[in-house]
Amino acid sequence: MFDDAAARRYLAGLAPAAPGSVRWLIYDQARQWVSVIDTELAALRRDCAHVLSTLPEEDPDASLAAAIREFLAEGADRAPHVIALSCAVLMQGTGDREAVFTRIQSGVMATLVESEAVVVRPVAA
């Protein structure tokens, strides 16, 4: 289970994200904190659109979760790919890109990879 309080304590020690960027935590239950990434919002929009354009029509959510797990297994340098895939997970859930990007900009986002699910959500304030 994702621990919002622990995430907030961890983030409190970091400088704020740069203007025009979004901060994303990637958390794996087995390995604890994997990465904290600040990514430019314009680049994230582009990367997310690319991921959405390449999704298979059959079970895209399972495909996204599998890809996230695969990139995490390759190491922390693959975190930008995990963020783009996480953005696509959010898009699949709502279908409204502007609503998703408003949500992303409103706070720190987190991707939690559990054994049975991949959860993408904001870190609770």
Protein backbone atom coordinates (compact mmCIF):
# COMPACT_ATOMS: atom_id res chain seq x y z
CA MET A 1 0.00 0.00 0.00
CA PHE A 2 1.24 3.48 -0.83
CA ASP A 3 2.20 5.53 2.24
CA ASP A 4 1.32 9.18 1.54
CA ALA A 5 2.84 10.41 4.81
CA ALA A 6 6.18 8.76 4.04
CA ALA A 7 6.10 10.18 0.51
CA ARG A 8 5.43 13.71 1.84
CA ARG A 9 8.32 13.41 4.34
CA TYR A 10 10.63 12.24 1.56
CA LEU A 11 9.55 15.03 -0.79
CA ALA A 12 9.91 17.70 1.93
CA GLY A 13 13.69 17.36 1.70
CA LEU A 14 13.77 18.10 -2.03
CA ALA A 15 13.84 21.43 -3.84
CA PRO A 16 10.52 22.28 -5.54
CA ALA A 17 9.96 21.15 -9.10
CA ALA A 18 10.95 23.68 -11.76
CA PRO A 19 8.21 25.86 -13.25
CA GLY A 20 6.55 24.07 -16.16
CA SER A 21 7.52 20.69 -14.73
CA VAL A 22 5.67 18.01 -12.87
CA ARG A 23 7.16 15.83 -10.12
CA TRP A 24 6.49 12.12 -10.25
CA LEU A 25 7.30 9.43 -7.68
CA ILE A 26 7.76 5.89 -8.90
CA TYR A 27 7.34 3.44 -6.08
CA ASP A 28 7.75 -0.31 -6.12
CA GLN A 29 6.54 -2.23 -3.08
CA ALA A 30 9.49 -4.60 -3.24
CA ARG A 31 12.23 -2.00 -3.73
CA GLN A 32 10.77 1.02 -1.90
CA TRP A 33 11.52 4.35 -3.63
CA VAL A 34 12.70 3.79 -7.15
CA SER A 35 12.77 7.33 -8.54
CA VAL A 36 11.66 10.89 -8.11
CA ILE A 37 11.55 12.53 -11.51
CA ASP A 38 10.78 16.08 -12.56
CA THR A 39 9.65 16.17 -16.14
CA GLU A 40 8.66 19.01 -18.44
CA LEU A 41 4.93 19.16 -18.93
CA ALA A 42 5.21 19.77 -22.69
CA ALA A 43 7.45 16.71 -23.12
CA LEU A 44 5.10 14.62 -20.98
CA ARG A 45 2.12 15.64 -23.15
CA ARG A 46 4.04 14.57 -26.26
CA ASP A 47 5.26 11.28 -24.74
CA CYS A 48 1.82 10.42 -23.39
CA ALA A 49 0.19 11.05 -26.77
CA HIS A 50 2.78 8.77 -28.38
CA VAL A 51 2.07 5.96 -25.89
CA LEU A 52 -1.68 6.29 -26.46
CA SER A 53 -1.21 6.09 -30.21
CA THR A 54 0.66 2.78 -29.92
CA LEU A 55 -1.67 0.95 -27.50
CA PRO A 56 -3.18 -2.31 -28.67
CA GLU A 57 -6.97 -2.26 -28.94
CA GLU A 58 -7.25 -5.43 -26.91
CA ASP A 59 -6.79 -4.91 -23.13
CA PRO A 60 -4.73 -1.69 -23.18
CA ASP A 61 -4.68 -1.44 -19.35
CA ALA A 62 -2.93 -4.82 -19.03
CA SER A 63 -0.52 -3.77 -21.76
CA LEU A 64 0.35 -0.54 -19.90
CA ALA A 65 0.86 -2.35 -16.59
CA ALA A 66 3.11 -4.94 -18.23
CA ALA A 67 5.18 -2.23 -19.92
CA ILE A 68 5.58 -0.31 -16.64
CA ARG A 69 6.82 -3.46 -14.88
CA GLU A 70 9.21 -4.21 -17.74
CA PHE A 71 10.74 -0.72 -17.69
CA LEU A 72 11.12 -0.82 -13.89
CA ALA A 73 12.97 -4.11 -14.17
CA GLU A 74 15.43 -2.45 -16.54
CA GLY A 75 16.39 0.16 -13.95
CA ALA A 76 15.84 3.70 -12.75
CA ASP A 77 17.12 5.25 -16.00
CA ARG A 78 13.88 4.05 -17.59
CA ALA A 79 11.80 6.26 -15.25
CA PRO A 80 10.80 8.73 -18.04
CA HIS A 81 9.20 5.81 -19.90
CA VAL A 82 7.34 4.77 -16.74
CA ILE A 83 6.01 8.32 -16.38
CA ALA A 84 4.74 8.42 -19.97
CA LEU A 85 3.06 5.05 -19.48
CA SER A 86 1.60 6.21 -16.15
CA CYS A 87 0.14 9.25 -17.88
CA ALA A 88 -1.45 6.90 -20.42
CA VAL A 89 -2.94 4.86 -17.54
CA LEU A 90 -4.65 8.03 -16.32
CA MET A 91 -5.87 8.85 -19.83
CA GLN A 92 -7.36 5.38 -20.22
CA GLY A 93 -9.30 5.94 -17.00
CA THR A 94 -10.85 9.28 -17.97
CA GLY A 95 -10.45 9.78 -21.69
CA ASP A 96 -10.17 13.54 -21.10
CA ARG A 97 -6.60 14.73 -21.72
CA GLU A 98 -7.11 18.23 -20.33
CA ALA A 99 -8.65 16.88 -17.12
CA VAL A 100 -5.72 14.50 -16.73
CA PHE A 101 -3.13 17.23 -17.23
CA THR A 102 -4.96 19.54 -14.82
CA ARG A 103 -4.81 16.73 -12.27
CA ILE A 104 -1.11 16.09 -12.96
CA GLN A 105 -0.26 19.77 -12.51
CA SER A 106 -2.15 20.06 -9.23
CA GLY A 107 0.43 18.19 -7.16
CA VAL A 108 2.99 15.40 -7.03
CA MET A 109 1.92 12.28 -8.89
CA ALA A 110 2.87 8.75 -7.94
CA THR A 111 2.99 5.41 -9.68
CA LEU A 112 2.80 2.47 -7.31
CA VAL A 113 3.60 -0.92 -8.77
CA GLU A 114 2.11 -3.67 -6.63
CA SER A 115 2.13 -7.38 -7.36
CA GLU A 116 -1.50 -7.34 -8.51
CA ALA A 117 -1.95 -3.81 -9.86
CA VAL A 118 -0.36 -0.59 -11.07
CA VAL A 119 -1.90 2.45 -9.37
CA VAL A 120 -1.38 5.98 -10.64
CA ARG A 121 -2.60 8.81 -8.45
CA PRO A 122 -1.64 12.08 -6.77
CA VAL A 123 0.22 11.99 -3.47
CA ALA A 124 -2.37 13.02 -0.89
CA ALA A 125 -1.67 16.37 0.75
